[in-house]
Each structure stands twice: as structure tokens, then as C-alpha cells.
Protein backbone atom coordinates (compact mmCIF):
# COMPACT_ATOMS: atom_id res chain seq x y z
CA MET A 1 -61.04 -34.15 151.54
CA ARG A 2 -57.98 -31.87 151.66
CA VAL A 3 -56.07 -30.18 154.12
CA ALA A 4 -55.21 -26.33 154.31
CA GLU A 5 -54.70 -23.09 155.36
CA LEU A 6 -57.94 -20.69 155.46
CA PRO A 7 -58.69 -17.51 156.21
CA VAL A 8 -60.22 -16.93 159.60
CA HIS A 9 -62.20 -14.99 158.34
CA GLN A 10 -63.97 -16.39 155.18
CA ILE A 11 -65.07 -19.62 157.73
CA ARG A 12 -68.93 -19.12 158.41
CA ARG A 13 -70.30 -20.22 161.89
CA PRO A 14 -74.12 -19.95 161.05
CA LEU A 15 -74.91 -21.98 164.42
CA PRO A 16 -74.40 -20.59 167.50
CA ARG A 17 -72.17 -22.71 169.79
CA ASN A 18 -71.68 -22.47 173.77
CA THR A 19 -67.82 -22.49 174.37
CA ASP A 20 -66.28 -23.14 177.20
CA PRO A 21 -63.69 -20.63 178.56
CA GLN A 22 -61.42 -22.95 180.65
CA LYS A 23 -61.17 -24.95 176.94
CA VAL A 24 -60.73 -21.95 175.07
CA GLN A 25 -57.73 -20.52 176.78
CA ASP A 26 -56.36 -23.56 176.97
CA LEU A 27 -56.03 -24.37 173.49
CA MET A 28 -54.84 -20.85 173.47
CA VAL A 29 -51.89 -21.68 175.37
CA SER A 30 -50.97 -25.29 173.81
CA ILE A 31 -52.23 -22.80 170.19
CA ALA A 32 -49.03 -20.18 170.81
CA ALA A 33 -47.00 -22.83 172.12
CA GLU A 34 -47.12 -25.90 169.87
CA GLY A 35 -49.41 -24.74 167.05
CA LEU A 36 -52.69 -26.02 165.86
CA ARG A 37 -52.76 -30.38 166.20
CA GLU A 38 -55.83 -31.00 165.06
CA PRO A 39 -57.54 -29.10 161.54
CA ILE A 40 -61.15 -28.07 162.10
CA GLU A 41 -63.40 -29.76 159.59
CA VAL A 42 -65.22 -27.62 157.39
CA LEU A 43 -67.92 -28.23 154.34
CA GLU A 44 -67.15 -26.44 151.00
CA VAL A 45 -70.00 -24.84 149.86
CA GLU A 46 -70.11 -23.33 145.72
CA GLY A 47 -66.38 -21.77 147.41
CA GLU A 48 -67.91 -20.72 150.75
CA TYR A 49 -65.94 -22.47 153.74
CA TYR A 50 -69.02 -23.45 157.20
CA GLY A 51 -67.59 -24.55 160.11
CA PHE A 52 -69.91 -26.95 162.53
CA SER A 53 -67.31 -28.10 164.54
CA GLY A 54 -64.37 -27.08 166.28
CA CYS A 55 -65.49 -24.74 168.27
CA HIS A 56 -63.13 -24.35 170.67
CA ARG A 57 -60.29 -24.03 168.33
CA TYR A 58 -61.41 -21.65 165.87
CA GLU A 59 -62.55 -19.43 168.84
CA ALA A 60 -58.84 -19.83 169.94
CA HIS A 61 -57.57 -18.92 166.61
CA GLN A 62 -60.11 -15.45 166.69
CA ARG A 63 -58.79 -14.63 170.15
CA LEU A 64 -54.80 -14.97 169.62
CA GLY A 65 -55.48 -12.87 166.13
CA LEU A 66 -54.35 -15.63 163.87
CA GLU A 67 -54.89 -15.44 160.78
CA THR A 68 -55.40 -18.26 159.26
CA ILE A 69 -56.18 -21.44 160.34
CA ARG A 70 -55.65 -25.26 159.52
CA CYS A 71 -58.79 -27.14 158.09
CA ARG A 72 -59.33 -30.56 156.44
CA ILE A 73 -62.41 -29.22 154.04
CA ARG A 74 -64.26 -31.63 152.68
CA ARG A 75 -66.36 -29.93 149.06
CA ALA A 76 -70.10 -30.71 149.71
CA PRO A 77 -73.52 -29.49 147.95
CA ARG A 78 -75.72 -27.23 148.94
CA SER A 79 -78.21 -29.95 150.11
CA VAL A 80 -75.56 -31.46 152.56
CA LEU A 81 -75.62 -27.77 153.75
CA ALA A 82 -79.35 -27.82 154.41
CA LEU A 83 -79.29 -30.87 155.88
CA HIS A 84 -76.10 -29.36 159.16
CA LEU A 85 -78.60 -26.35 158.69
CA ALA A 86 -81.93 -27.95 159.75
């Protein structure tokens, strides 16, 4: 596993998530003041990035207009991606 900054627009979010607007707002304030404390986790499958957790942090970055987000990247085969989508 490695940690890197990835462009927000390159991370696919294949599953819809309901986010708490207040939590997103609180994270926006925190991230703007201090930066992201905890990276989100993404799967790298054949050069594509998929996010399944960190939905509030991801949305806060989008709303702040930030171009990148710090991620823990785990390489995985398509079979692992299929398990996340099941």
C-alpha cells in the first residue's frame, strides 16, 4: 500500500452514498484550516482508481474545489473490485 495525492476527478465512486451535510461542512472547515488528517482509501485496478470509503472527506474536497486528495492506494485485481460492487 502506498500513500499519494490523486486528482479528485480520477477517483471513481461507483456506489451511491448518503452523506451528512453537517459532517461535510465541518470537514470543509477543518480541511481548509489544517488539511486532510486521514487519507481516504482507494483501490487501483488496472490503472483506474475506485473509492468506497471516505465519502464525507471526498465530498468536502469536491466542494472546496481542491484538485487533489491524499489517498492510501491498494492495488487489486478485477476480482477484488467485483467483490466491492456485489
